[in-house]
Amino acid sequence: MAVLKYEEIAESLRARIAAGEFDPEGIIPSGRELAEQWDVSRATAIKAVDMLRNDGVVVAKQGTGFVVTKTPVARPAGARRAGSARILGGMPFLRIGAPDWAEPPPRVAVALGISPGVKALRRVRVHQLPDGAPHSCVEAWFPPDIAEAAPRLAETAPIAEGTTRYVRRQTGRFPTGGVDITTVRRATDTEAKRLGVPAGAPVAVLLHTAKDEQGHPLVCEEGVTPSSLFEQVDTYVM
């Protein structure tokens, strides 16, 4: 599929942000500057910036222009349906520890299609409510073939363009389908500590697996939310 000019401009800006050319709250080039640099119309340049804004990479700052987001934003596990932007339904989050290689829980290993004993790359984050309190914790597990081809997944720093875009650029693979399984259980001691709830508190667990067009898993996320904060809404035609 051909890449449109505004998409090319947006990807260039993402790469520059990811490379540290623009610090958090740093100003990105204006629409006029981008139009001149790329020899395109201002409408095309503005559309490129809108892509970044829709993904929560930049925000508008009155009297300044667009600045790089200070607080990273990500969607909760399972909120990655086609056409959704990262900022829509996205929440500020904190990265917990550093990404590490570990043996995933059995149900995650099955979802990733890896054998018992095989390690996967784990990234942990805690989504936050507007007041900064924990909303949910997510363990994202990447199979070895993805993690090895996308080395920045093993770094603590946020991936400005989002993991989905980064993995696509590194591997050429992207999600075309997903499987979400919701269950309920009691929080583990580690989960309770991350979420600020009593040990053994009831939680909802969403196991989300994203797969490419060949049906091969790209990532499996296990999102854990206290029962008091969990809500699932399905809208459909009858």
Protein backbone atom coordinates (compact mmCIF):
# COMPACT_ATOMS: atom_id res chain seq x y z
CA MET A 1 0.00 0.00 0.00
CA ALA A 2 1.41 3.40 -0.99
CA VAL A 3 2.27 5.78 1.84
CA LEU A 4 0.54 9.14 1.56
CA LYS A 5 2.62 12.29 1.93
CA TYR A 6 1.10 13.36 5.23
CA GLU A 7 1.75 9.85 6.60
CA GLU A 8 5.38 10.10 5.50
CA ILE A 9 5.72 13.46 7.25
CA ALA A 10 4.09 12.10 10.41
CA GLU A 11 6.39 9.07 10.46
CA SER A 12 9.42 11.32 10.03
CA LEU A 13 8.31 13.41 13.00
CA ARG A 14 7.71 10.27 15.08
CA ALA A 15 11.22 9.05 14.30
CA ARG A 16 12.74 12.42 15.23
CA ILE A 17 10.81 12.47 18.52
CA ALA A 18 11.83 8.87 19.27
CA ALA A 19 15.47 9.77 18.55
CA GLY A 20 15.32 12.54 21.17
CA GLU A 21 15.50 15.48 18.77
CA PHE A 22 12.49 16.97 20.57
CA ASP A 23 12.35 16.67 24.36
CA PRO A 24 9.08 16.27 26.29
CA GLU A 25 7.23 19.60 26.02
CA GLY A 26 9.57 20.56 23.17
CA ILE A 27 8.01 22.39 20.23
CA ILE A 28 7.76 20.57 16.91
CA PRO A 29 7.91 22.45 13.58
CA SER A 30 4.79 24.43 12.72
CA GLY A 31 2.50 23.57 9.83
CA ARG A 32 4.05 26.39 7.80
CA GLU A 33 7.59 25.16 8.49
CA LEU A 34 6.68 21.57 7.63
CA ALA A 35 4.98 22.71 4.42
CA GLU A 36 8.15 24.53 3.38
CA GLN A 37 10.48 21.69 4.41
CA TRP A 38 8.48 19.05 2.53
CA ASP A 39 7.23 21.25 -0.31
CA VAL A 40 3.60 20.42 0.40
CA SER A 41 0.46 22.41 1.16
CA ARG A 42 -0.18 23.59 4.72
CA ALA A 43 -3.30 21.40 4.74
CA THR A 44 -1.11 18.33 4.15
CA ALA A 45 1.34 19.39 6.86
CA ILE A 46 -1.48 20.03 9.33
CA LYS A 47 -2.95 16.60 8.57
CA ALA A 48 0.41 15.05 9.49
CA VAL A 49 0.43 16.87 12.82
CA ASP A 50 -3.17 15.81 13.43
CA MET A 51 -2.04 12.17 13.15
CA LEU A 52 0.44 12.74 15.97
CA ARG A 53 -2.15 14.57 18.05
CA ASN A 54 -4.68 11.76 17.57
CA ASP A 55 -2.12 9.26 18.84
CA GLY A 56 -1.26 11.37 21.88
CA VAL A 57 2.31 12.04 20.73
CA VAL A 58 1.86 15.84 20.70
CA VAL A 59 -0.61 18.25 22.26
CA ALA A 60 -1.60 21.80 21.39
CA LYS A 61 -0.21 24.50 23.69
CA GLN A 62 -1.86 27.90 23.41
CA GLY A 63 0.48 30.58 22.13
CA THR A 64 3.22 28.05 21.40
CA GLY A 65 2.08 25.45 18.89
CA PHE A 66 2.31 21.69 19.23
CA VAL A 67 4.60 20.23 21.87
CA VAL A 68 5.72 16.68 22.59
CA THR A 69 3.57 15.02 25.24
CA LYS A 70 5.21 15.07 28.67
CA THR A 71 3.23 12.18 30.09
CA PRO A 72 3.05 9.08 27.87
CA VAL A 73 -0.41 7.83 26.96
CA ALA A 74 -1.45 4.28 26.16
CA ARG A 75 -4.68 2.39 25.76
CA PRO A 76 -5.72 -0.25 28.28
CA ALA A 77 -5.34 -3.88 27.27
CA GLY A 78 -7.84 -4.79 24.57
CA ALA A 79 -8.65 -1.20 23.55
CA ARG A 80 -6.88 -1.48 20.20
CA ARG A 81 -9.67 -2.03 17.72
CA ALA A 82 -9.29 -0.99 14.09
CA GLY A 83 -9.35 2.74 13.54
CA SER A 84 -8.83 3.66 17.19
CA ALA A 85 -6.25 6.29 18.03
CA ARG A 86 -3.97 5.88 20.98
CA ILE A 87 -5.36 8.99 22.66
CA LEU A 88 -8.98 7.85 22.29
CA GLY A 89 -9.62 5.88 25.44
CA GLY A 90 -5.95 6.25 26.27
CA MET A 91 -4.73 7.00 29.77
CA PRO A 92 -1.51 8.35 31.27
CA PHE A 93 0.67 5.54 32.55
CA LEU A 94 3.79 4.77 34.53
CA ARG A 95 6.35 2.23 33.39
CA ILE A 96 7.07 -0.29 36.16
CA GLY A 97 10.67 -1.40 36.35
CA ALA A 98 12.65 -2.18 33.22
CA PRO A 99 11.53 -4.56 30.46
CA ASP A 100 12.86 -8.04 31.13
CA TRP A 101 12.93 -11.55 29.69
CA ALA A 102 10.88 -14.01 31.72
CA GLU A 103 8.83 -17.16 31.36
CA PRO A 104 5.22 -16.02 30.86
CA PRO A 105 2.25 -17.52 32.71
CA PRO A 106 0.90 -20.68 31.02
CA ARG A 107 -2.16 -18.96 29.49
CA VAL A 108 0.06 -16.22 28.01
CA ALA A 109 2.50 -18.79 26.64
CA VAL A 110 -0.38 -20.60 24.94
CA ALA A 111 -1.67 -17.34 23.49
CA LEU A 112 1.80 -16.54 22.13
CA GLY A 113 2.28 -20.05 20.78
CA ILE A 114 5.55 -20.63 22.64
CA SER A 115 6.62 -23.77 24.48
CA PRO A 116 6.85 -24.04 28.28
CA GLY A 117 10.19 -22.77 29.50
CA VAL A 118 10.68 -20.35 26.60
CA LYS A 119 11.10 -16.75 27.74
CA ALA A 120 9.33 -13.73 26.29
CA LEU A 121 9.98 -10.00 26.67
CA ARG A 122 7.79 -8.39 29.33
CA ARG A 123 6.89 -4.69 29.62
CA VAL A 124 4.80 -3.59 32.63
CA ARG A 125 2.79 -0.38 32.97
CA VAL A 126 0.18 1.00 35.36
CA HIS A 127 -2.59 3.18 33.89
CA GLN A 128 -3.63 6.16 35.98
CA LEU A 129 -6.88 7.93 36.75
CA PRO A 130 -7.04 11.76 36.46
CA ASP A 131 -6.05 12.10 40.13
CA GLY A 132 -3.01 9.87 39.61
CA ALA A 133 -4.48 6.82 41.35
CA PRO A 134 -3.94 3.42 39.68
CA HIS A 135 -6.65 2.28 37.28
CA SER A 136 -5.20 -0.98 35.93
CA CYS A 137 -1.89 -2.74 35.51
CA VAL A 138 -0.84 -4.35 32.24
CA GLU A 139 1.87 -6.89 31.51
CA ALA A 140 2.65 -6.89 27.78
CA TRP A 141 4.47 -10.00 26.55
CA PHE A 142 6.28 -10.06 23.18
CA PRO A 143 7.36 -13.36 21.60
CA PRO A 144 11.10 -13.79 20.94
CA ASP A 145 10.89 -13.22 17.17
CA ILE A 146 9.23 -9.82 17.68
CA ALA A 147 11.38 -8.71 20.62
CA GLU A 148 14.63 -9.59 18.87
CA ALA A 149 13.64 -7.72 15.71
CA ALA A 150 12.51 -4.63 17.66
CA PRO A 151 15.27 -3.92 20.21
CA ARG A 152 13.73 -0.70 21.55
CA LEU A 153 11.05 -2.82 23.20
CA ALA A 154 13.72 -3.80 25.73
CA GLU A 155 14.40 -0.17 26.66
CA THR A 156 12.69 1.65 29.51
CA ALA A 157 12.14 4.88 27.58
CA PRO A 158 8.66 5.41 26.07
CA ILE A 159 8.30 4.59 22.38
CA ALA A 160 6.95 7.86 21.01
CA GLU A 161 5.30 6.38 17.94
CA GLY A 162 3.70 3.58 19.99
CA THR A 163 4.74 -0.07 20.06
CA THR A 164 2.38 -1.08 17.23
CA ARG A 165 3.89 1.40 14.75
CA TYR A 166 7.42 0.64 15.90
CA VAL A 167 6.98 -3.12 15.51
CA ARG A 168 5.43 -2.60 12.09
CA ARG A 169 8.39 -0.52 10.96
CA GLN A 170 10.90 -3.05 12.29
CA THR A 171 9.20 -6.24 11.13
CA GLY A 172 6.66 -5.30 8.46
CA ARG A 173 4.05 -7.08 10.59
CA PHE A 174 1.00 -5.41 12.09
CA PRO A 175 -2.20 -6.53 13.84
CA THR A 176 -5.14 -7.47 11.67
CA GLY A 177 -7.09 -9.32 14.34
CA GLY A 178 -7.35 -9.65 18.07
CA VAL A 179 -8.72 -12.04 20.67
CA ASP A 180 -9.93 -10.73 24.05
CA ILE A 181 -10.77 -13.06 26.93
CA THR A 182 -12.19 -11.58 30.15
CA THR A 183 -12.16 -13.50 33.42
CA VAL A 184 -12.41 -12.67 37.13
CA ARG A 185 -10.21 -13.77 40.01
CA ARG A 186 -8.41 -12.41 43.06
CA ALA A 187 -5.40 -10.12 42.75
CA THR A 188 -1.96 -11.54 43.39
CA ASP A 189 0.20 -9.82 45.99
CA THR A 190 2.20 -8.11 43.21
CA GLU A 191 -0.95 -6.91 41.44
CA ALA A 192 -2.48 -5.69 44.70
CA LYS A 193 0.63 -3.62 45.41
CA ARG A 194 0.62 -2.09 41.92
CA LEU A 195 -3.08 -1.24 42.13
CA GLY A 196 -3.15 -0.08 45.74
CA VAL A 197 -5.85 -2.58 46.76
CA PRO A 198 -5.94 -5.20 49.54
CA ALA A 199 -4.25 -8.51 48.79
CA GLY A 200 -6.76 -10.93 47.31
CA ALA A 201 -9.14 -8.18 46.18
CA PRO A 202 -11.45 -9.16 43.29
CA VAL A 203 -10.18 -8.09 39.87
CA ALA A 204 -11.20 -8.42 36.23
CA VAL A 205 -8.52 -9.79 33.94
CA LEU A 206 -8.50 -9.07 30.20
CA LEU A 207 -6.18 -11.23 28.14
CA HIS A 208 -5.65 -9.51 24.79
CA THR A 209 -3.74 -11.14 21.93
CA ALA A 210 -2.98 -9.26 18.72
CA LYS A 211 -2.26 -11.31 15.59
CA ASP A 212 -0.92 -10.49 12.14
CA GLU A 213 -2.54 -11.41 8.83
CA GLN A 214 -0.97 -14.88 9.03
CA GLY A 215 -2.53 -15.46 12.43
CA HIS A 216 0.83 -15.25 14.22
CA PRO A 217 0.82 -13.51 17.63
CA LEU A 218 2.54 -10.14 17.90
CA VAL A 219 1.86 -9.44 21.59
CA CYS A 220 -0.23 -10.72 24.47
CA GLU A 221 -1.33 -8.26 27.13
CA GLU A 222 -2.78 -9.21 30.49
CA GLY A 223 -4.66 -6.24 31.93
CA VAL A 224 -5.82 -6.38 35.55
CA THR A 225 -8.45 -3.93 36.87
CA PRO A 226 -10.05 -3.75 40.35
CA SER A 227 -13.67 -4.87 40.21
CA SER A 228 -14.83 -1.43 41.38
CA LEU A 229 -13.28 0.22 38.31
CA PHE A 230 -14.00 -2.37 35.64
CA GLU A 231 -16.77 -1.73 33.13
CA GLN A 232 -17.41 -3.36 29.78
CA VAL A 233 -19.88 -1.87 27.32
CA ASP A 234 -20.90 -3.58 24.07
CA THR A 235 -23.06 -1.79 21.52
CA TYR A 236 -24.65 -3.82 18.73
CA VAL A 237 -27.56 -3.95 16.32
CA MET A 238 -30.55 -6.14 17.20
